[in-house]
Amino acid sequence: MAARAAALVALLVALAAPALAGAQREEALSHSVATSLRRSVGEVNAPRLVFADPREGQVWLAEMSGRLQKRIPDAWTRERLLTAIHYEATRAGLDPQLVLGLIQVESGFKKYAISSAGARGLMQVMPFWPRAIGTAEHNLFDLTTNLRYGCTILRHYLDIERGNLFRALGRYNGSLGRAEYPNLVLGAWQRQWAWTPPAGLNRTAGTR
């Protein structure tokens, strides 16, 4: 069994696209912060589009699916991923288009990406996070688990940085104080994923 597991890990590494995750370091968390983060990653709900107007959700899904088609040819897979991204980002108080830009830079939308620093999955979550705020059963290669962790962590860094997205992205990548990574994510967000709801449709609603 051990040999088979090692072979599987080696295969996943071989198949994974190069990932950009930096040298993010584990930091001590206060009890209240750890409790809040633990509660956030522990709340498992079925992903769904969260729009005040369902028509807007369908327009958004169709538009984002078209943009993602070259990277993920299968329509069902694209829509499942986009629905989960929209739900987890909105739940964390993040712009889903920002999260799409971050995933593009971090993993190129490769579910099994592994960085040289050991970060895993779509949002390149470091393996110390399940130990710090989750459980051993949390699989960072699982689509929704990875997104839930990634969005929760970025929200945490935004709170630390009092809403300064540039610095929060630097923390997320482990490159705080350097411009390369935040500029890459912000550029991908603005060039590839920026979206304005059609006139006459409502804005995104909060999760429930």
Protein backbone atom coordinates (compact mmCIF):
# COMPACT_ATOMS: atom_id res chain seq x y z
CA MET A 1 0.00 0.00 0.00
CA ALA A 2 2.81 2.42 0.86
CA ALA A 3 4.50 1.78 -2.48
CA ARG A 4 1.22 2.32 -4.32
CA ALA A 5 0.58 5.58 -2.46
CA ALA A 6 4.10 6.79 -3.24
CA ALA A 7 3.63 5.92 -6.89
CA LEU A 8 0.32 7.83 -6.97
CA VAL A 9 1.91 10.92 -5.47
CA ALA A 10 4.74 10.72 -7.98
CA LEU A 11 2.22 10.48 -10.81
CA LEU A 12 0.29 13.49 -9.57
CA VAL A 13 3.50 15.51 -9.36
CA ALA A 14 4.44 14.48 -12.88
CA LEU A 15 1.03 15.47 -14.25
CA ALA A 16 0.77 18.73 -12.33
CA ALA A 17 1.37 21.98 -14.14
CA PRO A 18 4.11 24.26 -12.77
CA ALA A 19 2.65 26.26 -9.90
CA LEU A 20 3.65 29.68 -8.66
CA ALA A 21 3.10 29.32 -4.91
CA GLY A 22 5.86 30.98 -2.94
CA ALA A 23 7.39 30.22 0.42
CA GLN A 24 4.34 30.97 2.55
CA ARG A 25 5.19 30.23 6.17
CA GLU A 26 3.00 28.95 8.93
CA GLU A 27 2.18 31.68 11.42
CA ALA A 28 0.85 31.42 14.94
CA LEU A 29 -2.88 32.15 15.11
CA SER A 30 -4.71 33.54 18.09
CA HIS A 31 -7.36 31.28 19.56
CA SER A 32 -10.20 33.48 18.30
CA VAL A 33 -8.79 33.68 14.76
CA ALA A 34 -8.09 29.94 14.62
CA THR A 35 -11.61 29.21 15.84
CA SER A 36 -13.14 31.49 13.23
CA LEU A 37 -11.06 29.99 10.40
CA ARG A 38 -11.79 26.46 11.62
CA ARG A 39 -15.50 27.19 11.60
CA SER A 40 -15.27 28.61 8.08
CA VAL A 41 -13.48 25.63 6.52
CA GLY A 42 -15.69 23.22 8.45
CA GLU A 43 -18.95 24.56 7.05
CA VAL A 44 -19.60 22.33 4.05
CA ASN A 45 -22.49 23.32 1.79
CA ALA A 46 -23.38 22.31 -1.74
CA PRO A 47 -21.94 24.96 -4.10
CA ARG A 48 -24.43 27.12 -5.93
CA LEU A 49 -24.46 30.40 -7.80
CA VAL A 50 -25.37 33.21 -5.42
CA PHE A 51 -27.15 35.94 -7.36
CA ALA A 52 -30.14 38.07 -6.41
CA ASP A 53 -31.40 37.57 -9.96
CA PRO A 54 -31.02 33.99 -11.30
CA ARG A 55 -30.85 35.38 -14.85
CA GLU A 56 -27.66 37.20 -13.95
CA GLY A 57 -26.20 33.96 -12.63
CA GLN A 58 -26.84 32.18 -15.91
CA VAL A 59 -25.33 35.05 -17.91
CA TRP A 60 -22.26 35.04 -15.65
CA LEU A 61 -21.87 31.27 -15.90
CA ALA A 62 -22.13 31.28 -19.69
CA GLU A 63 -19.64 34.14 -20.03
CA MET A 64 -17.06 32.66 -17.65
CA SER A 65 -17.50 29.19 -19.16
CA GLY A 66 -16.68 30.57 -22.59
CA ARG A 67 -13.52 32.24 -21.28
CA LEU A 68 -12.41 29.03 -19.55
CA GLN A 69 -13.14 26.67 -22.46
CA LYS A 70 -9.59 26.51 -23.83
CA ARG A 71 -8.24 25.48 -20.44
CA ILE A 72 -11.08 23.09 -19.53
CA PRO A 73 -12.78 21.68 -22.65
CA ASP A 74 -15.50 19.71 -20.84
CA ALA A 75 -18.57 21.91 -20.29
CA TRP A 76 -19.85 20.02 -17.22
CA THR A 77 -16.46 20.26 -15.51
CA ARG A 78 -16.21 23.97 -16.27
CA GLU A 79 -19.65 24.75 -14.91
CA ARG A 80 -19.09 22.69 -11.78
CA LEU A 81 -15.80 24.49 -11.12
CA LEU A 82 -17.21 27.94 -11.81
CA THR A 83 -20.22 27.33 -9.57
CA ALA A 84 -17.94 26.26 -6.72
CA ILE A 85 -15.64 29.26 -7.26
CA HIS A 86 -18.57 31.67 -7.24
CA TYR A 87 -20.05 30.15 -4.09
CA GLU A 88 -16.85 29.93 -2.04
CA ALA A 89 -15.60 33.36 -3.11
CA THR A 90 -18.92 35.05 -2.38
CA ARG A 91 -19.18 33.22 0.93
CA ALA A 92 -15.77 34.62 1.92
CA GLY A 93 -16.63 38.14 0.78
CA LEU A 94 -14.32 37.98 -2.25
CA ASP A 95 -14.89 38.91 -5.87
CA PRO A 96 -15.21 35.61 -7.81
CA GLN A 97 -13.35 37.19 -10.74
CA LEU A 98 -10.41 37.94 -8.43
CA VAL A 99 -10.36 34.29 -7.36
CA LEU A 100 -10.39 33.22 -11.02
CA GLY A 101 -7.36 35.43 -11.63
CA LEU A 102 -5.58 33.99 -8.61
CA ILE A 103 -6.24 30.41 -9.73
CA GLN A 104 -4.99 31.23 -13.22
CA VAL A 105 -1.70 32.48 -11.80
CA GLU A 106 -1.33 29.90 -9.02
CA SER A 107 -2.15 26.65 -10.82
CA GLY A 108 -3.35 27.35 -14.35
CA PHE A 109 -6.63 25.67 -13.31
CA LYS A 110 -4.87 22.34 -12.71
CA LYS A 111 -6.64 20.51 -9.91
CA TYR A 112 -3.60 18.40 -8.98
CA ALA A 113 -0.92 21.08 -9.26
CA ILE A 114 1.87 20.89 -6.67
CA SER A 115 4.42 23.66 -6.23
CA SER A 116 8.06 23.28 -5.30
CA ALA A 117 7.07 24.54 -1.83
CA GLY A 118 4.45 21.79 -1.49
CA ALA A 119 1.34 23.91 -2.04
CA ARG A 120 -1.53 21.92 -3.52
CA GLY A 121 -4.46 22.17 -5.85
CA LEU A 122 -6.26 24.95 -7.67
CA MET A 123 -5.53 27.68 -5.13
CA GLN A 124 -2.18 26.22 -4.06
CA VAL A 125 -2.98 25.75 -0.39
CA MET A 126 -0.04 24.86 1.84
CA PRO A 127 -0.42 21.51 3.68
CA PHE A 128 0.06 23.07 7.11
CA TRP A 129 -3.37 24.72 6.88
CA PRO A 130 -5.45 21.57 7.50
CA ARG A 131 -3.30 20.91 10.56
CA ALA A 132 -3.82 24.46 11.81
CA ILE A 133 -7.52 25.00 11.11
CA GLY A 134 -8.95 21.78 9.70
CA THR A 135 -8.68 18.03 10.04
CA ALA A 136 -6.53 15.26 8.62
CA GLU A 137 -9.50 14.19 6.48
CA HIS A 138 -9.48 17.44 4.50
CA ASN A 139 -8.07 16.62 1.06
CA LEU A 140 -6.54 19.68 -0.60
CA PHE A 141 -6.90 18.05 -4.02
CA ASP A 142 -10.67 17.97 -3.57
CA LEU A 143 -12.12 20.81 -5.63
CA THR A 144 -14.50 22.34 -3.10
CA THR A 145 -12.20 21.76 -0.12
CA ASN A 146 -9.32 23.51 -1.88
CA LEU A 147 -11.49 26.46 -2.86
CA ARG A 148 -12.96 26.74 0.63
CA TYR A 149 -9.50 26.80 2.19
CA GLY A 150 -8.04 29.17 -0.39
CA CYS A 151 -10.86 31.70 -0.12
CA THR A 152 -10.87 31.51 3.68
CA ILE A 153 -7.11 32.10 3.81
CA LEU A 154 -7.20 35.06 1.40
CA ARG A 155 -10.06 36.59 3.41
CA HIS A 156 -7.96 36.14 6.55
CA TYR A 157 -5.03 37.95 4.96
CA LEU A 158 -7.29 40.74 3.73
CA ASP A 159 -8.52 41.21 7.28
CA ILE A 160 -4.95 41.28 8.60
CA GLU A 161 -4.03 43.89 5.99
CA ARG A 162 -7.21 45.93 6.61
CA GLY A 163 -8.47 45.49 3.07
CA ASN A 164 -5.16 46.11 1.30
CA LEU A 165 -5.46 43.58 -1.52
CA PHE A 166 -1.91 44.08 -2.80
CA ARG A 167 -0.41 43.15 0.57
CA ALA A 168 -2.94 40.36 1.16
CA LEU A 169 -1.93 38.74 -2.13
CA GLY A 170 1.72 39.03 -1.13
CA ARG A 171 0.95 37.19 2.09
CA TYR A 172 -1.01 34.55 0.23
CA ASN A 173 1.96 33.81 -2.01
CA GLY A 174 4.59 34.18 0.69
CA SER A 175 6.12 37.16 -1.10
CA LEU A 176 4.93 40.06 1.05
CA GLY A 177 6.70 43.27 0.05
CA ARG A 178 7.40 42.20 -3.54
CA ALA A 179 5.27 43.34 -6.45
CA GLU A 180 5.60 40.49 -8.96
CA TYR A 181 2.93 38.14 -7.66
CA PRO A 182 0.24 40.70 -6.72
CA ASN A 183 0.70 42.34 -10.12
CA LEU A 184 0.30 39.01 -11.91
CA VAL A 185 -2.95 38.22 -10.09
CA LEU A 186 -4.37 41.72 -10.47
CA GLY A 187 -3.41 41.70 -14.15
CA ALA A 188 -5.07 38.33 -14.77
CA TRP A 189 -8.19 39.52 -12.93
CA GLN A 190 -8.46 42.72 -14.96
CA ARG A 191 -7.45 41.33 -18.37
CA GLN A 192 -9.04 37.87 -18.35
CA TRP A 193 -11.88 37.82 -15.84
CA ALA A 194 -13.28 41.33 -15.31
CA TRP A 195 -17.06 41.31 -15.73
CA THR A 196 -19.85 43.82 -15.48
CA PRO A 197 -23.45 42.58 -15.03
CA PRO A 198 -25.73 43.39 -17.95
CA ALA A 199 -27.86 46.49 -17.52
CA GLY A 200 -31.18 45.80 -15.84
CA LEU A 201 -29.98 42.79 -13.84
CA ASN A 202 -29.41 42.86 -10.07
CA ARG A 203 -26.02 42.68 -8.40
CA THR A 204 -24.71 39.60 -6.65
CA ALA A 205 -26.47 38.81 -3.37
CA GLY A 206 -24.85 37.58 -0.17
CA THR A 207 -24.73 33.89 0.68
CA ARG A 208 -27.22 32.32 3.04
